[in-house]
């Protein structure tokens, strides 16, 4: 396992001028005497729908629990969800709606690097914080700003650490990369490349694919022709099993490693035998219903009683995002503004959960809440952390 401590950016440099110009403790939109409006942009109809639907279910579960207990400082929470279809253009459109029409107080748990990058400028014009996005790109917490807080170890740093360690562990001889040709994939590629450079290994072959692709025969053929025995992948739900199934079909069996974006129980569900042996960076144990952790077992049972469905990792992410956000709101007190919320996060100390998520700590100089990561592998259809 790894725990890194990084100072993200230069404190006051790069903070958006529009946000900086807002007077301290100015009245924030989306907060009334009895309600707080929380927005989230999810992919409910595109390639990440498997993630997003579970994330929303987890978020709504915690919202309902908080409201049933009386809310936060007497205010009920209301979650407003919009669908981006994992398109940055659509993401910008629905961000406009949430920020300028619905007038949300905070954006939380938005999924996808490209969608967050499209939405954040719109949010920041109106002093709307981007909290705990479901992407671990460095843009989500660098440079330090009162409007950006992230909770999961970043793609670049975690791949930079785990890729060379695994390369040496399996005795690989020829490294290659396959990644989605956008900001998400590039972060993973850069982390893997720089990690391999640290042990004097260069990428022998690099191939990309466009977001939404379903046929990977040409990419796999190029990797096989390059005699790759180790492949770092910037892939997500559908692409990971599709690439590995194509590889197995052609008798191509290198060591495959993916980022935290590919660490989900959906991969073995979709890929079955083809993905056995696949490695990925992990941050939180999968909340299996038969977990050894009794708190997770109870939480999973409660979720199933509520939805008639077993929870998944992104259910837990969504639940923790709202839980952590609510703790910050509570510390901010009755005078809830973007400024008081940011200050609350920076001063409330380490936050933990019995559900297995890594401890989260924000400071004035660091808005990446956790730099914990581990390496996990699919073994007989389930994720197992590799010690």
Protein backbone atom coordinates (compact mmCIF):
# COMPACT_ATOMS: atom_id res chain seq x y z
CA UNK A 1 0.00 0.00 0.00
CA UNK A 2 1.09 3.59 -0.47
CA UNK A 3 0.41 6.84 1.35
CA UNK A 4 1.75 10.00 -0.24
CA UNK A 5 1.79 13.54 1.02
CA UNK A 6 1.86 16.15 -1.72
CA UNK A 7 1.40 19.89 -1.61
CA UNK A 8 -0.83 20.76 -4.54
CA UNK A 9 0.16 23.86 -6.44
CA UNK A 10 0.95 27.29 -5.05
CA UNK A 11 -1.57 28.52 -2.53
CA UNK A 12 -2.96 31.69 -3.97
CA UNK A 13 -1.74 31.24 -7.53
CA UNK A 14 -4.20 30.24 -10.20
CA UNK A 15 -7.34 30.66 -8.12
CA UNK A 16 -10.06 31.83 -10.44
CA UNK A 17 -10.44 35.60 -10.39
CA UNK A 18 -14.22 35.50 -10.38
CA UNK A 19 -14.22 33.31 -7.31
CA UNK A 20 -11.55 35.38 -5.58
CA UNK A 21 -13.56 38.54 -6.13
CA UNK A 22 -16.52 37.28 -4.12
CA UNK A 23 -16.62 38.98 -0.69
CA UNK A 24 -15.94 36.72 2.28
CA UNK A 25 -19.11 35.29 3.79
CA UNK A 26 -21.33 36.73 1.05
CA UNK A 27 -24.75 35.13 0.89
CA UNK A 28 -24.42 31.92 -1.12
CA UNK A 29 -27.08 30.74 -3.55
CA UNK A 30 -28.80 27.44 -2.84
CA UNK A 31 -29.00 27.95 0.93
CA UNK A 32 -32.25 28.94 2.59
CA UNK A 33 -33.47 28.81 6.18
CA UNK A 34 -34.64 25.22 5.75
CA UNK A 35 -32.91 23.74 2.69
CA UNK A 36 -29.56 23.27 0.94
CA UNK A 37 -29.44 22.44 -2.78
CA UNK A 38 -26.74 19.99 -3.87
CA UNK A 39 -26.13 19.34 -7.56
CA UNK A 40 -24.42 16.42 -9.25
CA UNK A 41 -23.73 15.67 -12.91
CA UNK A 42 -23.77 11.97 -13.72
CA UNK A 43 -23.63 9.72 -16.76
CA UNK A 44 -27.05 8.08 -16.65
CA UNK A 45 -27.24 7.14 -20.32
CA UNK A 46 -23.67 6.65 -21.56
CA UNK A 47 -20.68 4.37 -21.00
CA UNK A 48 -20.33 5.20 -17.29
CA UNK A 49 -23.98 4.64 -16.41
CA UNK A 50 -23.04 1.57 -14.36
CA UNK A 51 -20.97 3.82 -12.11
CA UNK A 52 -23.33 6.78 -12.01
CA UNK A 53 -26.58 5.02 -11.19
CA UNK A 54 -24.97 3.39 -8.18
CA UNK A 55 -23.28 6.63 -7.11
CA UNK A 56 -26.61 8.49 -7.20
CA UNK A 57 -28.28 5.72 -5.19
CA UNK A 58 -25.59 5.99 -2.53
CA UNK A 59 -25.81 9.77 -2.44
CA UNK A 60 -29.58 9.71 -2.13
CA UNK A 61 -29.44 7.08 0.62
CA UNK A 62 -27.27 9.34 2.79
CA UNK A 63 -29.35 12.42 1.96
CA UNK A 64 -32.49 10.58 3.10
CA UNK A 65 -30.81 9.39 6.31
CA UNK A 66 -29.64 12.92 7.14
CA UNK A 67 -33.06 14.43 6.44
CA UNK A 68 -34.78 11.76 8.54
CA UNK A 69 -32.50 12.76 11.43
CA UNK A 70 -33.44 16.44 11.13
CA UNK A 71 -31.06 17.69 8.47
CA UNK A 72 -27.93 19.79 8.97
CA UNK A 73 -28.29 22.79 11.27
CA UNK A 74 -32.05 22.53 10.73
CA UNK A 75 -31.76 22.49 6.94
CA UNK A 76 -32.87 19.58 4.76
CA UNK A 77 -30.65 18.48 1.91
CA UNK A 78 -32.01 18.26 -1.63
CA UNK A 79 -30.07 16.40 -4.33
CA UNK A 80 -30.52 17.55 -7.94
CA UNK A 81 -29.19 15.14 -10.58
CA UNK A 82 -28.50 15.86 -14.25
CA UNK A 83 -27.31 13.50 -17.01
CA UNK A 84 -24.20 14.37 -19.03
CA UNK A 85 -24.09 11.10 -21.03
CA UNK A 86 -20.31 11.44 -20.43
CA UNK A 87 -20.18 14.30 -22.94
CA UNK A 88 -18.33 17.50 -22.03
CA UNK A 89 -20.69 19.52 -24.22
CA UNK A 90 -23.73 18.11 -22.48
CA UNK A 91 -21.93 18.45 -19.14
CA UNK A 92 -21.50 22.19 -19.70
CA UNK A 93 -25.18 22.52 -20.63
CA UNK A 94 -26.48 20.80 -17.52
CA UNK A 95 -23.95 22.69 -15.37
CA UNK A 96 -25.53 25.90 -16.66
CA UNK A 97 -28.93 24.59 -15.61
CA UNK A 98 -27.87 23.50 -12.14
CA UNK A 99 -25.86 26.63 -11.40
CA UNK A 100 -27.86 29.38 -13.09
CA UNK A 101 -31.44 28.03 -13.08
CA UNK A 102 -31.64 25.68 -10.13
CA UNK A 103 -29.09 27.79 -8.25
CA UNK A 104 -27.37 24.97 -6.39
CA UNK A 105 -25.11 25.72 -3.42
CA UNK A 106 -22.48 23.06 -4.17
CA UNK A 107 -21.68 20.53 -6.89
CA UNK A 108 -20.77 17.13 -5.46
CA UNK A 109 -19.65 13.82 -6.92
CA UNK A 110 -19.78 14.80 -10.59
CA UNK A 111 -18.37 11.95 -12.69
CA UNK A 112 -15.74 12.12 -15.42
CA UNK A 113 -12.63 14.23 -15.96
CA UNK A 114 -13.87 15.84 -19.18
CA UNK A 115 -17.28 16.63 -17.69
CA UNK A 116 -15.82 18.22 -14.56
CA UNK A 117 -13.41 20.29 -16.62
CA UNK A 118 -16.29 21.52 -18.75
CA UNK A 119 -18.50 22.31 -15.74
CA UNK A 120 -16.05 23.90 -13.31
CA UNK A 121 -15.63 27.28 -15.08
CA UNK A 122 -19.42 27.67 -15.09
CA UNK A 123 -19.60 26.82 -11.39
CA UNK A 124 -16.72 29.04 -10.40
CA UNK A 125 -18.28 32.10 -12.03
CA UNK A 126 -21.02 31.80 -9.40
CA UNK A 127 -18.76 30.75 -6.50
CA UNK A 128 -20.11 27.17 -6.54
CA UNK A 129 -17.69 24.64 -5.08
CA UNK A 130 -16.75 21.42 -6.89
CA UNK A 131 -16.65 18.84 -4.10
CA UNK A 132 -15.37 15.24 -4.28
CA UNK A 133 -15.68 14.64 -8.04
CA UNK A 134 -15.73 11.03 -9.22
CA UNK A 135 -12.48 11.39 -11.12
CA UNK A 136 -8.97 11.56 -9.73
CA UNK A 137 -7.37 13.87 -12.28
CA UNK A 138 -5.04 16.47 -10.77
CA UNK A 139 -7.22 19.29 -12.14
CA UNK A 140 -9.72 18.41 -9.43
CA UNK A 141 -7.49 19.74 -6.63
CA UNK A 142 -4.69 21.73 -8.30
CA UNK A 143 -4.06 24.60 -7.94
CA UNK A 144 -5.39 24.93 -4.38
CA UNK A 145 -8.67 26.82 -4.39
CA UNK A 146 -11.57 27.19 -1.98
CA UNK A 147 -13.72 25.84 -4.82
CA UNK A 148 -11.92 22.51 -5.37
CA UNK A 149 -11.79 19.58 -2.93
CA UNK A 150 -11.05 15.97 -3.98
CA UNK A 151 -11.07 12.78 -1.91
CA UNK A 152 -9.46 9.96 -3.93
CA UNK A 153 -5.78 9.46 -4.75
CA UNK A 154 -5.01 10.85 -8.19
CA UNK A 155 -4.57 8.86 -11.41
CA UNK A 156 -1.12 10.22 -12.17
CA UNK A 157 0.48 9.71 -8.77
CA UNK A 158 -1.00 6.29 -8.07
CA UNK A 159 -0.06 4.91 -11.50
CA UNK A 160 3.41 6.39 -11.19
CA UNK A 161 3.91 4.35 -8.01
CA UNK A 162 2.16 1.08 -8.75
CA UNK A 163 3.10 0.49 -12.40
CA UNK A 164 6.88 0.20 -11.88
CA UNK A 165 6.38 -1.85 -8.72
CA UNK A 166 4.22 -4.38 -10.56
CA UNK A 167 6.50 -4.37 -13.60
CA UNK A 168 9.40 -5.48 -11.43
CA UNK A 169 7.29 -7.89 -9.42
CA UNK A 170 6.14 -9.90 -12.45
CA UNK A 171 9.55 -9.75 -14.16
CA UNK A 172 8.20 -8.00 -17.25
CA UNK A 173 10.49 -7.22 -20.19
CA UNK A 174 8.50 -5.01 -22.57
CA UNK A 175 6.03 -2.35 -21.42
CA UNK A 176 3.23 -0.86 -23.52
CA UNK A 177 0.19 1.36 -22.99
CA UNK A 178 -3.39 1.55 -24.20
CA UNK A 179 -5.53 4.49 -23.13
CA UNK A 180 -8.61 6.58 -23.88
CA UNK A 181 -7.62 9.58 -25.98
CA UNK A 182 -8.75 12.34 -23.62
CA UNK A 183 -7.76 14.03 -20.33
CA UNK A 184 -8.64 10.90 -18.34
CA UNK A 185 -6.50 8.58 -20.41
CA UNK A 186 -3.61 11.03 -20.67
CA UNK A 187 -3.31 11.34 -16.88
CA UNK A 188 -3.00 7.57 -16.58
CA UNK A 189 -0.56 7.32 -19.48
CA UNK A 190 1.64 10.06 -18.04
CA UNK A 191 1.68 8.44 -14.60
CA UNK A 192 2.55 5.02 -16.00
CA UNK A 193 5.21 6.45 -18.34
CA UNK A 194 6.91 8.51 -15.64
CA UNK A 195 6.77 5.58 -13.22
CA UNK A 196 8.52 3.32 -15.72
CA UNK A 197 11.10 6.00 -16.45
CA UNK A 198 12.02 5.91 -12.76
CA UNK A 199 13.25 2.33 -13.29
CA UNK A 200 14.74 3.10 -16.71
CA UNK A 201 12.01 1.43 -18.74
CA UNK A 202 10.48 3.05 -21.84
CA UNK A 203 7.13 2.32 -23.47
CA UNK A 204 7.71 0.00 -26.42
CA UNK A 205 4.31 0.74 -27.97
CA UNK A 206 1.46 3.15 -27.28
CA UNK A 207 -2.07 2.88 -28.69
CA UNK A 208 -5.20 4.94 -28.04
CA UNK A 209 -8.92 4.74 -28.65
CA UNK A 210 -11.74 7.27 -28.83
CA UNK A 211 -14.22 7.64 -25.99
CA UNK A 212 -17.15 5.26 -26.57
CA UNK A 213 -15.20 2.80 -28.76
CA UNK A 214 -16.30 -0.86 -28.73
CA UNK A 215 -13.91 -2.56 -31.16
CA UNK A 216 -10.32 -2.95 -29.98
CA UNK A 217 -9.03 -5.51 -32.48
CA UNK A 218 -6.58 -3.11 -34.14
CA UNK A 219 -5.20 -1.85 -30.82
CA UNK A 220 -4.69 -5.37 -29.48
CA UNK A 221 -3.05 -6.43 -32.75
CA UNK A 222 -0.53 -3.61 -32.45
CA UNK A 223 0.29 -4.48 -28.84
CA UNK A 224 0.71 -8.13 -29.73
CA UNK A 225 2.93 -7.29 -32.72
CA UNK A 226 5.14 -5.23 -30.40
CA UNK A 227 5.65 -8.30 -28.17
CA UNK A 228 4.33 -6.48 -25.11
CA UNK A 229 4.27 -8.54 -21.93
CA UNK A 230 3.05 -5.67 -19.72
CA UNK A 231 0.22 -3.25 -20.63
CA UNK A 232 -0.79 -0.17 -18.62
CA UNK A 233 -4.40 0.70 -19.45
CA UNK A 234 -6.36 3.94 -19.25
CA UNK A 235 -9.71 2.19 -19.66
CA UNK A 236 -13.06 2.18 -17.85
CA UNK A 237 -16.07 -0.13 -17.46
CA UNK A 238 -16.76 -1.45 -20.95
CA UNK A 239 -13.35 -1.05 -22.52
CA UNK A 240 -11.37 -3.06 -19.96
CA UNK A 241 -13.18 -6.39 -20.47
CA UNK A 242 -13.49 -5.76 -24.21
CA UNK A 243 -9.72 -5.29 -24.59
CA UNK A 244 -8.91 -8.31 -22.45
CA UNK A 245 -11.45 -10.54 -24.21
CA UNK A 246 -9.92 -9.60 -27.57
CA UNK A 247 -6.44 -10.31 -26.20
CA UNK A 248 -7.40 -13.72 -24.80
CA UNK A 249 -9.11 -14.62 -28.08
CA UNK A 250 -5.86 -14.06 -29.95
CA UNK A 251 -3.67 -15.84 -27.41
CA UNK A 252 -2.15 -12.57 -26.19
CA UNK A 253 -1.69 -12.72 -22.39
CA UNK A 254 0.45 -9.90 -20.98
CA UNK A 255 0.11 -8.51 -17.46
CA UNK A 256 -2.63 -5.87 -17.59
CA UNK A 257 -2.85 -3.05 -15.04
CA UNK A 258 -5.52 -0.36 -14.87
CA UNK A 259 -6.14 2.75 -12.79
CA UNK A 260 -8.61 3.37 -10.01
CA UNK A 261 -11.09 4.09 -12.82
CA UNK A 262 -11.11 0.37 -13.69
CA UNK A 263 -11.37 -0.82 -10.10
CA UNK A 264 -15.00 -1.88 -9.94
CA UNK A 265 -16.95 -5.10 -9.51
CA UNK A 266 -18.50 -4.40 -12.92
CA UNK A 267 -15.25 -5.53 -14.59
CA UNK A 268 -15.44 -9.19 -13.43
CA UNK A 269 -19.23 -9.14 -13.89
CA UNK A 270 -18.84 -8.17 -17.56
CA UNK A 271 -15.53 -9.84 -18.40
CA UNK A 272 -15.88 -13.09 -16.43
CA UNK A 273 -12.96 -15.46 -17.09
CA UNK A 274 -11.28 -13.08 -19.55
CA UNK A 275 -10.42 -10.57 -16.82
CA UNK A 276 -9.10 -12.98 -14.20
CA UNK A 277 -5.63 -11.81 -13.25
CA UNK A 278 -6.28 -8.16 -14.13
CA UNK A 279 -4.64 -5.67 -11.74
CA UNK A 280 -5.88 -2.20 -10.86
CA UNK A 281 -5.08 0.55 -8.41
CA UNK A 282 -7.60 0.53 -5.55
CA UNK A 283 -8.49 2.93 -2.77
CA UNK A 284 -11.36 1.30 -0.89
CA UNK A 285 -12.26 -2.37 -0.48
CA UNK A 286 -15.25 -3.44 -2.59
CA UNK A 287 -18.29 -3.46 -0.23
CA UNK A 288 -19.26 -7.07 -0.82
CA UNK A 289 -22.39 -8.17 1.03
CA UNK A 290 -20.37 -10.89 2.76
CA UNK A 291 -17.54 -8.54 3.73
CA UNK A 292 -15.47 -9.40 6.79
CA UNK A 293 -16.26 -5.87 8.02
CA UNK A 294 -19.53 -6.02 10.04
CA UNK A 295 -20.24 -2.32 9.40
CA UNK A 296 -20.07 -2.91 5.66
CA UNK A 297 -22.31 -5.99 5.92
CA UNK A 298 -24.96 -3.99 7.79
CA UNK A 299 -24.72 -1.04 5.41
CA UNK A 300 -24.99 -3.38 2.40
CA UNK A 301 -28.02 -5.08 3.93
CA UNK A 302 -29.66 -1.70 4.60
CA UNK A 303 -29.05 -0.63 1.01
CA UNK A 304 -30.48 -3.88 -0.34
CA UNK A 305 -33.56 -3.54 1.86
CA UNK A 306 -34.01 -0.05 0.43
CA UNK A 307 -33.42 -0.86 -3.25
CA UNK A 308 -33.57 -4.66 -3.60
CA UNK A 309 -30.07 -4.41 -5.09
CA UNK A 310 -26.62 -5.12 -3.69
CA UNK A 311 -24.47 -1.99 -3.37
CA UNK A 312 -21.31 -1.50 -5.39
CA UNK A 313 -18.14 0.49 -4.84
CA UNK A 314 -19.62 3.61 -6.44
CA UNK A 315 -22.62 3.32 -4.12
CA UNK A 316 -20.16 3.61 -1.26
CA UNK A 317 -18.35 6.51 -2.93
CA UNK A 318 -21.64 8.39 -3.33
CA UNK A 319 -22.66 7.69 0.26
CA UNK A 320 -19.30 8.88 1.63
CA UNK A 321 -19.34 12.03 -0.52
CA UNK A 322 -22.63 13.18 1.01
CA UNK A 323 -21.58 12.07 4.48
CA UNK A 324 -18.33 14.04 4.29
CA UNK A 325 -20.06 17.06 2.75
CA UNK A 326 -22.63 17.04 5.55
CA UNK A 327 -19.87 17.01 8.18
CA UNK A 328 -18.36 20.11 6.60
CA UNK A 329 -21.74 21.84 6.46
CA UNK A 330 -22.37 21.05 10.10
CA UNK A 331 -19.00 22.48 11.14
CA UNK A 332 -19.64 25.58 9.04
CA UNK A 333 -22.69 26.24 11.22
CA UNK A 334 -25.76 28.33 10.62
CA UNK A 335 -23.84 30.83 8.48
CA UNK A 336 -23.37 28.39 5.60
CA UNK A 337 -21.53 29.95 2.67
CA UNK A 338 -18.95 28.69 0.22
CA UNK A 339 -16.28 30.43 2.30
CA UNK A 340 -17.36 29.00 5.65
CA UNK A 341 -17.70 25.52 4.12
CA UNK A 342 -14.19 25.66 2.63
CA UNK A 343 -12.78 26.79 5.95
CA UNK A 344 -14.66 24.02 7.74
CA UNK A 345 -13.12 21.38 5.48
CA UNK A 346 -9.64 22.80 6.04
CA UNK A 347 -9.96 22.77 9.83
CA UNK A 348 -12.14 19.79 10.77
CA UNK A 349 -9.25 17.33 10.91
CA UNK A 350 -9.10 13.74 9.75
CA UNK A 351 -12.47 12.19 8.95
CA UNK A 352 -12.98 8.44 9.08
CA UNK A 353 -15.74 5.95 8.37
CA UNK A 354 -16.27 2.36 9.54
CA UNK A 355 -17.14 1.46 5.93
CA UNK A 356 -13.52 1.12 4.81
CA UNK A 357 -13.02 4.34 2.87
CA UNK A 358 -9.56 5.85 3.43
CA UNK A 359 -9.26 8.59 6.08
CA UNK A 360 -9.76 12.04 4.61
CA UNK A 361 -7.84 15.15 5.68
CA UNK A 362 -7.95 18.59 4.09
CA UNK A 363 -5.68 21.46 5.06
CA UNK A 364 -5.28 25.04 3.94
CA UNK A 365 -2.41 23.96 1.68
CA UNK A 366 -3.78 20.62 0.45
CA UNK A 367 -7.25 19.95 -0.94
CA UNK A 368 -6.60 16.33 -1.92
CA UNK A 369 -8.18 14.52 1.00
CA UNK A 370 -6.46 11.16 0.61
CA UNK A 371 -3.32 9.87 -1.07
CA UNK A 372 -3.88 6.27 -0.03
CA UNK A 373 -3.77 3.61 -2.71
CA UNK A 374 -3.19 -0.12 -2.95
CA UNK A 375 -2.97 -2.69 -5.73
CA UNK A 376 -5.75 -5.23 -6.21
CA UNK A 377 -6.25 -8.15 -8.58
CA UNK A 378 -9.25 -10.06 -9.88
CA UNK A 379 -8.97 -13.62 -8.59
CA UNK A 380 -11.77 -16.07 -9.36
CA UNK A 381 -14.20 -13.27 -10.14
CA UNK A 382 -13.53 -11.09 -7.06
CA UNK A 383 -11.15 -8.28 -6.24
CA UNK A 384 -8.41 -9.17 -3.78
CA UNK A 385 -5.90 -6.67 -2.43
CA UNK A 386 -2.36 -7.73 -3.28
CA UNK A 387 -0.13 -7.39 -0.23
